[in-house]
Amino acid sequence: MSTALIDPLVALTIEDWVHDAIWWVLLGVKVFALSDAVIRKDAFYVAADKQNKAFWLLLLVVFLTLHIFLPNPLNVLNLIGTVAAFVYLADVRPLLRSMHSR
């Protein structure tokens, strides 16, 4: 006789919800990073010495596309894309924003 505290079907349902929530949040992060990269001027990237605009756009578009077509947010390619988006948001974006306000 099994004395499971939670029904396995309920556990799988909760796991699916968490999986889907992670997927949507990471999609939002990548879309936000890409949309921010689009609106910044190429000269700011060069002045900040943070690659160039074409590099960041290509990188973010490729990983956003992969994110959409790979349903697992913990897939290695999705994780690499997530790191790239967070690097853009944490390292590149603050410098570009500070140049815009000058």
Protein backbone atom coordinates (compact mmCIF):
# COMPACT_ATOMS: atom_id res chain seq x y z
CA MET A 1 0.00 0.00 0.00
CA SER A 2 1.40 3.37 -1.05
CA THR A 3 1.17 6.31 1.29
CA ALA A 4 2.19 9.06 -1.13
CA LEU A 5 1.68 12.53 0.23
CA ILE A 6 0.82 13.91 -3.18
CA ASP A 7 -0.74 12.29 -6.19
CA PRO A 8 1.89 11.77 -8.94
CA LEU A 9 -0.46 13.27 -11.52
CA VAL A 10 -0.78 16.45 -9.46
CA ALA A 11 3.00 16.59 -9.06
CA LEU A 12 3.46 16.33 -12.83
CA THR A 13 0.88 19.03 -13.40
CA ILE A 14 2.65 21.36 -10.98
CA GLU A 15 5.98 20.56 -12.65
CA ASP A 16 4.48 21.42 -16.05
CA TRP A 17 3.18 24.75 -14.72
CA VAL A 18 6.58 25.64 -13.27
CA HIS A 19 8.27 24.58 -16.51
CA ASP A 20 5.88 26.74 -18.54
CA ALA A 21 6.33 29.71 -16.19
CA ILE A 22 10.11 29.49 -16.50
CA TRP A 23 9.79 29.27 -20.29
CA TRP A 24 7.59 32.37 -20.47
CA VAL A 25 9.74 34.42 -18.08
CA LEU A 26 12.92 33.60 -20.00
CA LEU A 27 11.17 34.38 -23.27
CA GLY A 28 10.23 37.78 -21.84
CA VAL A 29 13.82 38.43 -20.78
CA LYS A 30 15.10 37.62 -24.27
CA VAL A 31 12.43 39.70 -26.00
CA PHE A 32 13.18 42.64 -23.70
CA ALA A 33 16.94 42.36 -24.32
CA LEU A 34 16.41 42.19 -28.09
CA SER A 35 13.98 45.11 -28.15
CA ASP A 36 16.38 47.20 -26.10
CA ALA A 37 19.28 46.30 -28.40
CA VAL A 38 17.24 47.37 -31.41
CA ILE A 39 16.57 50.89 -30.13
CA ARG A 40 20.18 51.70 -29.18
CA LYS A 41 22.45 53.45 -31.67
CA ASP A 42 25.37 51.54 -33.16
CA ALA A 43 27.79 54.31 -32.24
CA PHE A 44 27.01 53.78 -28.54
CA TYR A 45 28.06 50.12 -28.74
CA VAL A 46 31.37 51.10 -30.31
CA ALA A 47 31.96 53.90 -27.79
CA ALA A 48 31.20 51.52 -24.90
CA ASP A 49 33.65 48.98 -26.37
CA LYS A 50 30.97 46.25 -26.11
CA GLN A 51 31.08 44.56 -29.53
CA ASN A 52 28.80 46.20 -32.07
CA LYS A 53 25.07 46.41 -32.57
CA ALA A 54 25.01 43.80 -35.35
CA PHE A 55 26.74 41.27 -33.08
CA TRP A 56 24.24 41.72 -30.25
CA LEU A 57 21.25 41.71 -32.59
CA LEU A 58 22.38 38.54 -34.31
CA LEU A 59 23.16 36.82 -31.01
CA LEU A 60 19.86 37.77 -29.41
CA VAL A 61 17.75 36.96 -32.49
CA VAL A 62 19.34 33.51 -32.87
CA PHE A 63 18.82 32.60 -29.24
CA LEU A 64 15.30 34.03 -29.15
CA THR A 65 14.43 31.91 -32.19
CA LEU A 66 15.95 28.84 -30.58
CA HIS A 67 14.01 29.56 -27.39
CA ILE A 68 10.75 29.63 -29.32
CA PHE A 69 11.43 26.34 -31.12
CA LEU A 70 13.01 24.47 -28.20
CA PRO A 71 10.30 23.82 -25.62
CA ASN A 72 12.66 23.04 -22.75
CA PRO A 73 13.98 26.17 -21.02
CA LEU A 74 16.71 24.07 -19.43
CA ASN A 75 18.09 22.97 -22.80
CA VAL A 76 21.79 23.84 -23.11
CA LEU A 77 21.19 26.20 -26.05
CA ASN A 78 18.38 27.96 -24.18
CA LEU A 79 20.62 28.36 -21.15
CA ILE A 80 23.40 29.85 -23.28
CA GLY A 81 20.89 32.26 -24.81
CA THR A 82 19.60 33.19 -21.38
CA VAL A 83 23.13 33.94 -20.20
CA ALA A 84 23.72 36.06 -23.31
CA ALA A 85 20.52 38.03 -22.68
CA PHE A 86 21.44 38.58 -19.03
CA VAL A 87 24.97 39.66 -19.99
CA TYR A 88 23.47 42.20 -22.36
CA LEU A 89 21.03 43.45 -19.71
CA ALA A 90 23.53 43.57 -16.86
CA ASP A 91 26.69 44.71 -18.64
CA VAL A 92 25.94 46.35 -21.98
CA ARG A 93 22.55 48.00 -21.42
CA PRO A 94 23.59 50.14 -18.41
CA LEU A 95 26.51 51.60 -20.38
CA LEU A 96 24.34 52.29 -23.41
CA ARG A 97 21.68 53.94 -21.25
CA SER A 98 24.26 56.16 -19.55
CA MET A 99 25.53 57.32 -22.95
CA HIS A 100 22.01 58.09 -24.10
CA SER A 101 21.42 60.41 -21.15
CA ARG A 102 24.56 62.45 -21.83
